[in-house]
Amino acid sequence: MRQYMGTEEKILKKIVCNQCGRELKLENGIVQEGVFSGDARWGYFSERDGENHQFDLCETCYERLIRGFVIPVTVEEETELL
């Protein structure tokens, strides 16, 4: 869950893990640790037609989630980090 301050410029004020409720570390509006941001836009043939779901997970909760996958996530190494 993200909270912003300001109406004109959206300045990131806080990120809280939707799973465990822990507040992630921010410095000057920049996240200082790993975070997974999910964004699902549900369409026809789902039970959530027209809904948009957004959430954030800390690294610990993300690891817990993917451990339950039958098919593992695809991992590719990045040579340049942003």
PDB file of N, CA and C in Angstrom:
ATOM      1  N   MET A   1       0.846  -1.162   0.000  1.00  0.00           N
ATOM      2  CA  MET A   1       0.000   0.000   0.000  1.00  0.00           C
ATOM      3  C   MET A   1       0.900   1.236   0.000  1.00  0.00           C
ATOM      4  N   ARG A   2       0.610   2.128  -0.895  1.00  0.00           N
ATOM      5  CA  ARG A   2       1.414   3.343  -0.996  1.00  0.00           C
ATOM      6  C   ARG A   2       0.605   4.564  -0.568  1.00  0.00           C
ATOM      7  N   GLN A   3       1.277   5.454   0.130  1.00  0.00           N
ATOM      8  CA  GLN A   3       0.671   6.729   0.506  1.00  0.00           C
ATOM      9  C   GLN A   3       1.535   7.837  -0.083  1.00  0.00           C
ATOM     10  N   TYR A   4       0.867   8.819  -0.662  1.00  0.00           N
ATOM     11  CA  TYR A   4       1.559   9.947  -1.273  1.00  0.00           C
ATOM     12  C   TYR A   4       1.165  11.227  -0.565  1.00  0.00           C
ATOM     13  N   MET A   5       2.041  12.235  -0.640  1.00  0.00           N
ATOM     14  CA  MET A   5       1.674  13.558  -0.154  1.00  0.00           C
ATOM     15  C   MET A   5       1.737  14.518  -1.333  1.00  0.00           C
ATOM     16  N   GLY A   6       0.952  15.549  -1.257  1.00  0.00           N
ATOM     17  CA  GLY A   6       0.888  16.512  -2.347  1.00  0.00           C
ATOM     18  C   GLY A   6      -0.188  16.115  -3.342  1.00  0.00           C
ATOM     19  N   THR A   7      -0.796  17.102  -3.944  1.00  0.00           N
ATOM     20  CA  THR A   7      -1.837  16.828  -4.934  1.00  0.00           C
ATOM     21  C   THR A   7      -1.299  16.998  -6.349  1.00  0.00           C
ATOM     22  N   GLU A   8      -0.479  17.997  -6.582  1.00  0.00           N
ATOM     23  CA  GLU A   8       0.102  18.239  -7.908  1.00  0.00           C
ATOM     24  C   GLU A   8       1.174  17.192  -8.210  1.00  0.00           C
ATOM     25  N   GLU A   9       2.247  17.207  -7.412  1.00  0.00           N
ATOM     26  CA  GLU A   9       3.316  16.217  -7.551  1.00  0.00           C
ATOM     27  C   GLU A   9       3.045  15.112  -6.550  1.00  0.00           C
ATOM     28  N   LYS A  10       3.035  13.884  -7.003  1.00  0.00           N
ATOM     29  CA  LYS A  10       2.866  12.774  -6.078  1.00  0.00           C
ATOM     30  C   LYS A  10       4.222  12.419  -5.502  1.00  0.00           C
ATOM     31  N   ILE A  11       4.421  12.734  -4.243  1.00  0.00           N
ATOM     32  CA  ILE A  11       5.667  12.405  -3.555  1.00  0.00           C
ATOM     33  C   ILE A  11       5.384  11.227  -2.631  1.00  0.00           C
ATOM     34  N   LEU A  12       6.143  10.154  -2.818  1.00  0.00           N
ATOM     35  CA  LEU A  12       5.935   8.951  -2.029  1.00  0.00           C
ATOM     36  C   LEU A  12       6.255   9.220  -0.562  1.00  0.00           C
ATOM     37  N   LYS A  13       5.272   8.969   0.293  1.00  0.00           N
ATOM     38  CA  LYS A  13       5.408   9.250   1.723  1.00  0.00           C
ATOM     39  C   LYS A  13       5.631   7.969   2.520  1.00  0.00           C
ATOM     40  N   LYS A  14       4.969   6.873   2.090  1.00  0.00           N
ATOM     41  CA  LYS A  14       5.025   5.643   2.865  1.00  0.00           C
ATOM     42  C   LYS A  14       4.652   4.459   1.982  1.00  0.00           C
ATOM     43  N   ILE A  15       5.345   3.312   2.198  1.00  0.00           N
ATOM     44  CA  ILE A  15       4.958   2.026   1.596  1.00  0.00           C
ATOM     45  C   ILE A  15       4.840   1.017   2.730  1.00  0.00           C
ATOM     46  N   VAL A  16       3.717   0.330   2.767  1.00  0.00           N
ATOM     47  CA  VAL A  16       3.462  -0.685   3.778  1.00  0.00           C
ATOM     48  C   VAL A  16       3.194  -1.999   3.055  1.00  0.00           C
ATOM     49  N   CYS A  17       3.827  -3.077   3.507  1.00  0.00           N
ATOM     50  CA  CYS A  17       3.596  -4.398   2.924  1.00  0.00           C
ATOM     51  C   CYS A  17       2.146  -4.800   3.192  1.00  0.00           C
ATOM     52  N   ASN A  18       1.422  -5.122   2.126  1.00  0.00           N
ATOM     53  CA  ASN A  18       0.019  -5.512   2.274  1.00  0.00           C
ATOM     54  C   ASN A  18      -0.141  -6.848   3.009  1.00  0.00           C
ATOM     55  N   GLN A  19       0.880  -7.694   3.003  1.00  0.00           N
ATOM     56  CA  GLN A  19       0.780  -9.007   3.652  1.00  0.00           C
ATOM     57  C   GLN A  19       1.046  -8.922   5.151  1.00  0.00           C
ATOM     58  N   CYS A  20       2.195  -8.386   5.544  1.00  0.00           N
ATOM     59  CA  CYS A  20       2.582  -8.415   6.970  1.00  0.00           C
ATOM     60  C   CYS A  20       2.378  -7.073   7.682  1.00  0.00           C
ATOM     61  N   GLY A  21       2.163  -5.991   6.938  1.00  0.00           N
ATOM     62  CA  GLY A  21       1.913  -4.689   7.544  1.00  0.00           C
ATOM     63  C   GLY A  21       3.156  -3.904   7.907  1.00  0.00           C
ATOM     64  N   ARG A  22       4.325  -4.439   7.567  1.00  0.00           N
ATOM     65  CA  ARG A  22       5.572  -3.734   7.912  1.00  0.00           C
ATOM     66  C   ARG A  22       5.785  -2.543   6.984  1.00  0.00           C
ATOM     67  N   GLU A  23       6.184  -1.418   7.568  1.00  0.00           N
ATOM     68  CA  GLU A  23       6.498  -0.232   6.777  1.00  0.00           C
ATOM     69  C   GLU A  23       7.902  -0.377   6.192  1.00  0.00           C
ATOM     70  N   LEU A  24       8.014  -0.191   4.888  1.00  0.00           N
ATOM     71  CA  LEU A  24       9.305  -0.319   4.216  1.00  0.00           C
ATOM     72  C   LEU A  24      10.081   0.979   4.349  1.00  0.00           C
ATOM     73  N   LYS A  25      11.408   0.867   4.296  1.00  0.00           N
ATOM     74  CA  LYS A  25      12.276   2.022   4.498  1.00  0.00           C
ATOM     75  C   LYS A  25      12.275   2.916   3.253  1.00  0.00           C
ATOM     76  N   LEU A  26      12.002   4.199   3.486  1.00  0.00           N
ATOM     77  CA  LEU A  26      12.023   5.225   2.436  1.00  0.00           C
ATOM     78  C   LEU A  26      12.993   6.317   2.840  1.00  0.00           C
ATOM     79  N   GLU A  27      13.644   6.903   1.854  1.00  0.00           N
ATOM     80  CA  GLU A  27      14.512   8.047   2.102  1.00  0.00           C
ATOM     81  C   GLU A  27      14.288   9.043   0.960  1.00  0.00           C
ATOM     82  N   ASN A  28      13.782  10.205   1.296  1.00  0.00           N
ATOM     83  CA  ASN A  28      13.469  11.241   0.298  1.00  0.00           C
ATOM     84  C   ASN A  28      12.577  10.706  -0.816  1.00  0.00           C
ATOM     85  N   GLY A  29      11.576   9.899  -0.441  1.00  0.00           N
ATOM     86  CA  GLY A  29      10.626   9.368  -1.414  1.00  0.00           C
ATOM     87  C   GLY A  29      11.153   8.213  -2.246  1.00  0.00           C
ATOM     88  N   ILE A  30      12.334   7.671  -1.896  1.00  0.00           N
ATOM     89  CA  ILE A  30      12.936   6.571  -2.650  1.00  0.00           C
ATOM     90  C   ILE A  30      13.000   5.339  -1.747  1.00  0.00           C
ATOM     91  N   VAL A  31      12.494   4.218  -2.243  1.00  0.00           N
ATOM     92  CA  VAL A  31      12.483   2.979  -1.474  1.00  0.00           C
ATOM     93  C   VAL A  31      13.911   2.486  -1.295  1.00  0.00           C
ATOM     94  N   GLN A  32      14.269   2.139  -0.062  1.00  0.00           N
ATOM     95  CA  GLN A  32      15.632   1.730   0.264  1.00  0.00           C
ATOM     96  C   GLN A  32      15.762   0.223   0.509  1.00  0.00           C
ATOM     97  N   GLU A  33      14.784  -0.549   0.056  1.00  0.00           N
ATOM     98  CA  GLU A  33      14.845  -2.008   0.174  1.00  0.00           C
ATOM     99  C   GLU A  33      13.970  -2.620  -0.920  1.00  0.00           C
ATOM    100  N   GLY A  34      14.077  -3.940  -1.062  1.00  0.00           N
ATOM    101  CA  GLY A  34      13.328  -4.615  -2.122  1.00  0.00           C
ATOM    102  C   GLY A  34      11.830  -4.581  -1.866  1.00  0.00           C
ATOM    103  N   VAL A  35      11.072  -4.345  -2.928  1.00  0.00           N
ATOM    104  CA  VAL A  35       9.616  -4.334  -2.844  1.00  0.00           C
ATOM    105  C   VAL A  35       9.049  -4.890  -4.146  1.00  0.00           C
ATOM    106  N   PHE A  36       8.018  -5.709  -4.031  1.00  0.00           N
ATOM    107  CA  PHE A  36       7.301  -6.219  -5.200  1.00  0.00           C
ATOM    108  C   PHE A  36       5.982  -5.473  -5.275  1.00  0.00           C
ATOM    109  N   SER A  37       5.715  -4.846  -6.417  1.00  0.00           N
ATOM    110  CA  SER A  37       4.456  -4.129  -6.617  1.00  0.00           C
ATOM    111  C   SER A  37       3.606  -4.905  -7.611  1.00  0.00           C
ATOM    112  N   GLY A  38       2.421  -5.272  -7.174  1.00  0.00           N
ATOM    113  CA  GLY A  38       1.492  -5.998  -8.038  1.00  0.00           C
ATOM    114  C   GLY A  38       0.379  -5.084  -8.514  1.00  0.00           C
ATOM    115  N   ASP A  39      -0.033  -5.283  -9.768  1.00  0.00           N
ATOM    116  CA  ASP A  39      -1.109  -4.491 -10.361  1.00  0.00           C
ATOM    117  C   ASP A  39      -1.901  -5.418 -11.273  1.00  0.00           C
ATOM    118  N   ALA A  40      -3.118  -5.757 -10.874  1.00  0.00           N
ATOM    119  CA  ALA A  40      -3.961  -6.660 -11.662  1.00  0.00           C
ATOM    120  C   ALA A  40      -5.204  -5.909 -12.126  1.00  0.00           C
ATOM    121  N   ARG A  41      -5.382  -5.862 -13.430  1.00  0.00           N
ATOM    122  CA  ARG A  41      -6.581  -5.254 -14.008  1.00  0.00           C
ATOM    123  C   ARG A  41      -7.478  -6.389 -14.507  1.00  0.00           C
ATOM    124  N   TRP A  42      -8.590  -6.569 -13.817  1.00  0.00           N
ATOM    125  CA  TRP A  42      -9.478  -7.684 -14.108  1.00  0.00           C
ATOM    126  C   TRP A  42     -10.451  -7.314 -15.213  1.00  0.00           C
ATOM    127  N   GLY A  43     -10.648  -8.232 -16.135  1.00  0.00           N
ATOM    128  CA  GLY A  43     -11.536  -7.990 -17.266  1.00  0.00           C
ATOM    129  C   GLY A  43     -12.646  -9.026 -17.343  1.00  0.00           C
ATOM    130  N   TYR A  44     -13.174  -9.165 -18.537  1.00  0.00           N
ATOM    131  CA  TYR A  44     -14.259 -10.118 -18.770  1.00  0.00           C
ATOM    132  C   TYR A  44     -13.838 -11.520 -18.376  1.00  0.00           C
ATOM    133  N   PHE A  45     -14.815 -12.329 -18.067  1.00  0.00           N
ATOM    134  CA  PHE A  45     -14.652 -13.746 -17.736  1.00  0.00           C
ATOM    135  C   PHE A  45     -13.993 -13.963 -16.371  1.00  0.00           C
ATOM    136  N   SER A  46     -13.899 -12.921 -15.572  1.00  0.00           N
ATOM    137  CA  SER A  46     -13.427 -13.084 -14.195  1.00  0.00           C
ATOM    138  C   SER A  46     -14.577 -12.683 -13.279  1.00  0.00           C
ATOM    139  N   GLU A  47     -14.424 -12.981 -12.022  1.00  0.00           N
ATOM    140  CA  GLU A  47     -15.446 -12.562 -11.059  1.00  0.00           C
ATOM    141  C   GLU A  47     -15.170 -11.164 -10.536  1.00  0.00           C
ATOM    142  N   ARG A  48     -14.163 -10.481 -11.110  1.00  0.00           N
ATOM    143  CA  ARG A  48     -13.791  -9.137 -10.677  1.00  0.00           C
ATOM    144  C   ARG A  48     -13.825  -8.149 -11.847  1.00  0.00           C
ATOM    145  N   ASP A  49     -14.737  -8.361 -12.770  1.00  0.00           N
ATOM    146  CA  ASP A  49     -14.831  -7.509 -13.965  1.00  0.00           C
ATOM    147  C   ASP A  49     -14.724  -6.026 -13.621  1.00  0.00           C
ATOM    148  N   GLY A  50     -13.783  -5.329 -14.272  1.00  0.00           N
ATOM    149  CA  GLY A  50     -13.653  -3.888 -14.115  1.00  0.00           C
ATOM    150  C   GLY A  50     -12.894  -3.442 -12.872  1.00  0.00           C
ATOM    151  N   GLU A  51     -12.418  -4.365 -12.054  1.00  0.00           N
ATOM    152  CA  GLU A  51     -11.680  -3.977 -10.860  1.00  0.00           C
ATOM    153  C   GLU A  51     -10.183  -3.905 -11.147  1.00  0.00           C
ATOM    154  N   ASN A  52      -9.502  -2.999 -10.443  1.00  0.00           N
ATOM    155  CA  ASN A  52      -8.048  -2.875 -10.517  1.00  0.00           C
ATOM    156  C   ASN A  52      -7.512  -3.069  -9.102  1.00  0.00           C
ATOM    157  N   HIS A  53      -6.663  -4.079  -8.918  1.00  0.00           N
ATOM    158  CA  HIS A  53      -6.088  -4.374  -7.607  1.00  0.00           C
ATOM    159  C   HIS A  53      -4.613  -4.008  -7.617  1.00  0.00           C
ATOM    160  N   GLN A  54      -4.168  -3.267  -6.608  1.00  0.00           N
ATOM    161  CA  GLN A  54      -2.762  -2.890  -6.469  1.00  0.00           C
ATOM    162  C   GLN A  54      -2.300  -3.250  -5.069  1.00  0.00           C
ATOM    163  N   PHE A  55      -1.059  -3.762  -4.980  1.00  0.00           N
ATOM    164  CA  PHE A  55      -0.516  -4.112  -3.671  1.00  0.00           C
ATOM    165  C   PHE A  55       1.003  -4.098  -3.719  1.00  0.00           C
ATOM    166  N   ASP A  56       1.608  -4.033  -2.535  1.00  0.00           N
ATOM    167  CA  ASP A  56       3.063  -4.072  -2.389  1.00  0.00           C
ATOM    168  C   ASP A  56       3.415  -5.152  -1.369  1.00  0.00           C
ATOM    169  N   LEU A  57       4.505  -5.887  -1.656  1.00  0.00           N
ATOM    170  CA  LEU A  57       5.000  -6.907  -0.736  1.00  0.00           C
ATOM    171  C   LEU A  57       6.465  -6.649  -0.433  1.00  0.00           C
ATOM    172  N   CYS A  58       6.847  -6.818   0.842  1.00  0.00           N
ATOM    173  CA  CYS A  58       8.264  -6.766   1.199  1.00  0.00           C
ATOM    174  C   CYS A  58       8.924  -8.037   0.643  1.00  0.00           C
ATOM    175  N   GLU A  59      10.254  -8.083   0.656  1.00  0.00           N
ATOM    176  CA  GLU A  59      10.957  -9.248   0.106  1.00  0.00           C
ATOM    177  C   GLU A  59      10.611 -10.536   0.840  1.00  0.00           C
ATOM    178  N   THR A  60      10.467 -10.481   2.137  1.00  0.00           N
ATOM    179  CA  THR A  60      10.149 -11.679   2.915  1.00  0.00           C
ATOM    180  C   THR A  60       8.801 -12.261   2.495  1.00  0.00           C
ATOM    181  N   CYS A  61       7.801 -11.421   2.364  1.00  0.00           N
ATOM    182  CA  CYS A  61       6.467 -11.888   1.968  1.00  0.00           C
ATOM    183  C   CYS A  61       6.450 -12.346   0.513  1.00  0.00           C
ATOM    184  N   TYR A  62       7.224 -11.690  -0.338  1.00  0.00           N
ATOM    185  CA  TYR A  62       7.336 -12.128  -1.729  1.00  0.00           C
ATOM    186  C   TYR A  62       7.937 -13.526  -1.789  1.00  0.00           C
ATOM    187  N   GLU A  63       9.010 -13.762  -1.027  1.00  0.00           N
ATOM    188  CA  GLU A  63       9.644 -15.091  -0.999  1.00  0.00           C
ATOM    189  C   GLU A  63       8.669 -16.146  -0.503  1.00  0.00           C
ATOM    190  N   ARG A  64       7.893 -15.812   0.522  1.00  0.00           N
ATOM    191  CA  ARG A  64       6.894 -16.738   1.056  1.00  0.00           C
ATOM    192  C   ARG A  64       5.859 -17.071  -0.020  1.00  0.00           C
ATOM    193  N   LEU A  65       5.431 -16.089  -0.782  1.00  0.00           N
ATOM    194  CA  LEU A  65       4.440 -16.290  -1.835  1.00  0.00           C
ATOM    195  C   LEU A  65       4.972 -17.212  -2.924  1.00  0.00           C
ATOM    196  N   ILE A  66       6.164 -16.922  -3.445  1.00  0.00           N
ATOM    197  CA  ILE A  66       6.652 -17.699  -4.589  1.00  0.00           C
ATOM    198  C   ILE A  66       7.087 -19.111  -4.200  1.00  0.00           C
ATOM    199  N   ARG A  67       7.386 -19.354  -2.928  1.00  0.00           N
ATOM    200  CA  ARG A  67       7.718 -20.718  -2.480  1.00  0.00           C
ATOM    201  C   ARG A  67       6.544 -21.675  -2.698  1.00  0.00           C
ATOM    202  N   GLY A  68       5.334 -21.130  -2.720  1.00  0.00           N
ATOM    203  CA  GLY A  68       4.145 -21.952  -2.912  1.00  0.00           C
ATOM    204  C   GLY A  68       3.807 -22.230  -4.369  1.00  0.00           C
ATOM    205  N   PHE A  69       4.562 -21.673  -5.313  1.00  0.00           N
ATOM    206  CA  PHE A  69       4.277 -21.868  -6.734  1.00  0.00           C
ATOM    207  C   PHE A  69       4.635 -23.290  -7.168  1.00  0.00           C
ATOM    208  N   VAL A  70       3.783 -23.909  -7.965  1.00  0.00           N
ATOM    209  CA  VAL A  70       4.079 -25.210  -8.548  1.00  0.00           C
ATOM    210  C   VAL A  70       5.137 -25.040  -9.641  1.00  0.00           C
ATOM    211  N   ILE A  71       5.007 -24.003 -10.438  1.00  0.00           N
ATOM    212  CA  ILE A  71       5.993 -23.671 -11.473  1.00  0.00           C
ATOM    213  C   ILE A  71       6.778 -22.466 -10.955  1.00  0.00           C
ATOM    214  N   PRO A  72       8.091 -22.602 -10.795  1.00  0.00           N
ATOM    215  CA  PRO A  72       8.874 -21.502 -10.228  1.00  0.00           C
ATOM    216  C   PRO A  72       8.903 -20.269 -11.125  1.00  0.00           C
ATOM    217  N   VAL A  73       9.163 -19.123 -10.522  1.00  0.00           N
ATOM    218  CA  VAL A  73       9.277 -17.888 -11.290  1.00  0.00           C
ATOM    219  C   VAL A  73      10.498 -17.972 -12.210  1.00  0.00           C
ATOM    220  N   THR A  74      10.454 -17.239 -13.300  1.00  0.00           N
ATOM    221  CA  THR A  74      11.594 -17.139 -14.204  1.00  0.00           C
ATOM    222  C   THR A  74      12.518 -16.055 -13.669  1.00  0.00           C
ATOM    223  N   VAL A  75      13.789 -16.376 -13.513  1.00  0.00           N
ATOM    224  CA  VAL A  75      14.761 -15.435 -12.969  1.00  0.00           C
ATOM    225  C   VAL A  75      15.806 -15.146 -14.033  1.00  0.00           C
ATOM    226  N   GLU A  76      16.016 -13.878 -14.316  1.00  0.00           N
ATOM    227  CA  GLU A  76      17.069 -13.436 -15.239  1.00  0.00           C
ATOM    228  C   GLU A  76      17.949 -12.448 -14.501  1.00  0.00           C
ATOM    229  N   GLU A  77      19.250 -12.569 -14.667  1.00  0.00           N
ATOM    230  CA  GLU A  77      20.190 -11.660 -14.009  1.00  0.00           C
ATOM    231  C   GLU A  77      20.273 -10.339 -14.776  1.00  0.00           C
ATOM    232  N   GLU A  78      20.288  -9.246 -14.033  1.00  0.00           N
ATOM    233  CA  GLU A  78      20.461  -7.909 -14.602  1.00  0.00           C
ATOM    234  C   GLU A  78      21.919  -7.520 -14.466  1.00  0.00           C
ATOM    235  N   THR A  79      22.490  -6.929 -15.523  1.00  0.00           N
ATOM    236  CA  THR A  79      23.881  -6.474 -15.438  1.00  0.00           C
ATOM    237  C   THR A  79      23.968  -5.027 -15.017  1.00  0.00           C
ATOM    238  N   GLU A  80      22.881  -4.267 -15.245  1.00  0.00           N
ATOM    239  CA  GLU A  80      22.856  -2.867 -14.835  1.00  0.00           C
ATOM    240  C   GLU A  80      21.615  -2.651 -13.979  1.00  0.00           C
ATOM    241  N   LEU A  81      21.823  -2.118 -12.796  1.00  0.00           N
ATOM    242  CA  LEU A  81      20.699  -1.848 -11.896  1.00  0.00           C
ATOM    243  C   LEU A  81      20.384  -0.373 -11.928  1.00  0.00           C
ATOM    244  N   LEU A  82      19.084  -0.070 -11.931  1.00  0.00           N
ATOM    245  CA  LEU A  82      18.637   1.328 -11.946  1.00  0.00           C
ATOM    246  C   LEU A  82      18.579   1.877 -10.557  1.00  0.00           C
TER     247      LEU A  82
END
